[in-house]
Amino acid sequence: MAAWLTAVAREKKRVYGWSTDETIDSSSIDRATWYRWKKISRPGNMPKAPTLVAFCQSLGLDPAEPFRILGYTTADVEAPTVVLPDPESHIDRRIRLLRIAIDRPGIKPEERQELEVQVVRLLAEKRSMEDAIKAADKALKRHGAA
């Protein structure tokens, strides 16, 4: 399990530039749980199948590999009772971080301007992506593929 979690963190770093802490923060579990899962030699550290599925869903992962590692089957998963919110997108996360940086005390006007320009650029990119997705969904519906 430890090797799989390490691979997850590496992949998120490669794709999004996230640190391990940022990967954990973007998931449905806390740091203590992450590190407890990395030490599953003790039975109490074994993740429950529904929790593991929610974790995988929060990061856009397939739970098949951790299920194989832990010897779980799909029969171990009950229908989820709680619907988790979508994880914060990498664009939304960066916008949030830029806004935090803009609001820090003592920021110089030229630094603030540079950060504000980056927020505007990311917001435009996000709108463009959302528009492209809507257009693609309409095209799929129009052609009977959705």
Protein backbone atom coordinates (compact mmCIF):
# COMPACT_ATOMS: atom_id res chain seq x y z
CA MET A 1 0.00 0.00 0.00
CA ALA A 2 2.87 2.36 0.79
CA ALA A 3 4.34 1.94 -2.69
CA TRP A 4 0.95 2.63 -4.29
CA LEU A 5 0.43 5.80 -2.24
CA THR A 6 3.94 6.95 -3.15
CA ALA A 7 3.13 6.33 -6.83
CA VAL A 8 -0.11 8.33 -6.48
CA ALA A 9 1.82 11.27 -4.99
CA ARG A 10 4.45 11.06 -7.76
CA GLU A 11 1.80 11.02 -10.48
CA LYS A 12 0.00 14.05 -9.02
CA LYS A 13 3.35 15.86 -8.83
CA ARG A 14 4.06 14.99 -12.48
CA VAL A 15 0.63 16.03 -13.72
CA TYR A 16 -0.23 18.98 -11.45
CA GLY A 17 3.04 19.86 -9.74
CA TRP A 18 1.53 18.96 -6.36
CA SER A 19 3.58 18.05 -3.31
CA THR A 20 2.52 15.05 -1.22
CA ASP A 21 0.78 17.42 1.20
CA GLU A 22 -1.10 19.06 -1.69
CA THR A 23 -2.18 15.62 -2.93
CA ILE A 24 -3.45 14.75 0.54
CA ASP A 25 -5.23 18.12 0.82
CA SER A 26 -6.94 17.46 -2.52
CA SER A 27 -8.17 14.05 -1.40
CA SER A 28 -11.00 12.94 0.87
CA ILE A 29 -8.68 11.86 3.72
CA ASP A 30 -6.50 13.71 6.22
CA ARG A 31 -2.73 13.47 6.67
CA ALA A 32 -3.01 11.13 9.66
CA THR A 33 -5.04 8.68 7.60
CA TRP A 34 -2.60 8.89 4.66
CA TYR A 35 0.35 8.04 6.88
CA ARG A 36 -1.61 5.37 8.76
CA TRP A 37 -2.41 3.73 5.40
CA LYS A 38 1.29 3.78 4.54
CA LYS A 39 1.86 1.53 7.58
CA ILE A 40 -0.79 -1.12 7.04
CA SER A 41 1.23 -3.86 8.70
CA ARG A 42 -1.11 -3.45 11.66
CA PRO A 43 -4.73 -4.60 11.08
CA GLY A 44 -6.17 -1.37 12.53
CA ASN A 45 -4.50 0.62 9.77
CA MET A 46 -6.36 -1.14 6.96
CA PRO A 47 -8.59 1.31 5.10
CA LYS A 48 -12.24 0.40 4.88
CA ALA A 49 -13.25 -0.36 1.28
CA PRO A 50 -15.83 2.48 1.00
CA THR A 51 -13.31 4.99 2.39
CA LEU A 52 -10.72 3.78 -0.10
CA VAL A 53 -13.21 4.15 -2.97
CA ALA A 54 -14.06 7.70 -1.84
CA PHE A 55 -10.34 8.51 -1.66
CA CYS A 56 -9.78 7.20 -5.19
CA GLN A 57 -12.80 9.08 -6.53
CA SER A 58 -11.61 12.33 -4.91
CA LEU A 59 -8.35 12.08 -6.85
CA GLY A 60 -9.78 10.59 -10.05
CA LEU A 61 -8.15 7.19 -9.46
CA ASP A 62 -9.30 3.64 -10.17
CA PRO A 63 -9.57 1.69 -6.88
CA ALA A 64 -8.70 -1.62 -8.62
CA GLU A 65 -4.98 -1.50 -7.74
CA PRO A 66 -5.34 -0.73 -4.01
CA PHE A 67 -8.17 -3.29 -3.86
CA ARG A 68 -5.82 -5.89 -5.37
CA ILE A 69 -3.08 -4.95 -2.91
CA LEU A 70 -5.42 -5.27 0.08
CA GLY A 71 -7.30 -8.34 -1.19
CA TYR A 72 -10.64 -6.55 -1.40
CA THR A 73 -13.36 -7.27 -3.94
CA THR A 74 -16.14 -5.07 -5.25
CA ALA A 75 -18.44 -6.98 -2.90
CA ASP A 76 -16.60 -5.24 -0.04
CA VAL A 77 -18.04 -1.88 -1.12
CA GLU A 78 -21.54 -0.89 -0.15
CA ALA A 79 -23.43 1.84 -1.96
CA PRO A 80 -22.02 5.16 -0.78
CA THR A 81 -24.20 7.07 1.65
CA VAL A 82 -22.36 10.36 1.26
CA VAL A 83 -21.65 12.05 -2.05
CA LEU A 84 -18.30 13.80 -1.89
CA PRO A 85 -17.84 17.14 -3.63
CA ASP A 86 -15.59 17.24 -6.67
CA PRO A 87 -12.01 17.92 -5.69
CA GLU A 88 -10.80 21.43 -6.31
CA SER A 89 -9.43 21.68 -9.84
CA HIS A 90 -5.81 22.63 -10.33
CA ILE A 91 -6.96 25.95 -11.86
CA ASP A 92 -9.29 26.74 -8.94
CA ARG A 93 -6.56 25.85 -6.48
CA ARG A 94 -4.07 28.18 -8.11
CA ILE A 95 -6.63 30.99 -8.27
CA ARG A 96 -7.28 30.51 -4.55
CA LEU A 97 -3.54 30.57 -3.78
CA LEU A 98 -3.01 33.68 -5.93
CA ARG A 99 -5.82 35.48 -4.09
CA ILE A 100 -4.26 34.54 -0.75
CA ALA A 101 -0.93 35.94 -1.99
CA ILE A 102 -2.62 39.15 -3.16
CA ASP A 103 -4.18 39.67 0.27
CA ARG A 104 -0.99 39.20 2.27
CA PRO A 105 0.12 42.24 4.24
CA GLY A 106 2.90 44.41 2.87
CA ILE A 107 2.64 43.25 -0.75
CA LYS A 108 4.15 45.70 -3.19
CA PRO A 109 1.86 47.23 -5.86
CA GLU A 110 3.85 45.68 -8.74
CA GLU A 111 3.68 42.24 -7.10
CA ARG A 112 -0.07 42.63 -6.55
CA GLN A 113 -0.53 43.63 -10.20
CA GLU A 114 1.44 40.61 -11.45
CA LEU A 115 -0.59 38.25 -9.26
CA GLU A 116 -3.89 39.86 -10.35
CA VAL A 117 -2.91 39.41 -14.01
CA GLN A 118 -2.34 35.71 -13.34
CA VAL A 119 -5.78 35.41 -11.68
CA VAL A 120 -7.41 37.01 -14.73
CA ARG A 121 -5.53 34.67 -17.08
CA LEU A 122 -6.58 31.58 -15.10
CA LEU A 123 -10.21 32.74 -14.90
CA ALA A 124 -10.25 33.21 -18.68
CA GLU A 125 -8.74 29.75 -19.18
CA LYS A 126 -11.35 28.24 -16.86
CA ARG A 127 -14.22 29.94 -18.72
CA SER A 128 -12.79 28.81 -22.05
CA MET A 129 -12.53 25.23 -20.82
CA GLU A 130 -16.09 25.29 -19.46
CA ASP A 131 -17.37 26.71 -22.77
CA ALA A 132 -15.53 24.01 -24.72
CA ILE A 133 -17.03 21.28 -22.53
CA LYS A 134 -20.55 22.68 -22.95
CA ALA A 135 -20.08 22.85 -26.73
CA ALA A 136 -18.80 19.27 -26.83
CA ASP A 137 -21.76 18.07 -24.73
CA LYS A 138 -24.19 19.81 -27.10
CA ALA A 139 -22.51 18.24 -30.12
CA LEU A 140 -22.63 14.80 -28.52
CA LYS A 141 -26.31 15.23 -27.70
CA ARG A 142 -27.07 16.55 -31.18
CA HIS A 143 -25.44 13.50 -32.76
CA GLY A 144 -27.01 10.98 -30.39
CA ALA A 145 -23.74 10.06 -28.70
CA ALA A 146 -24.63 11.29 -25.22
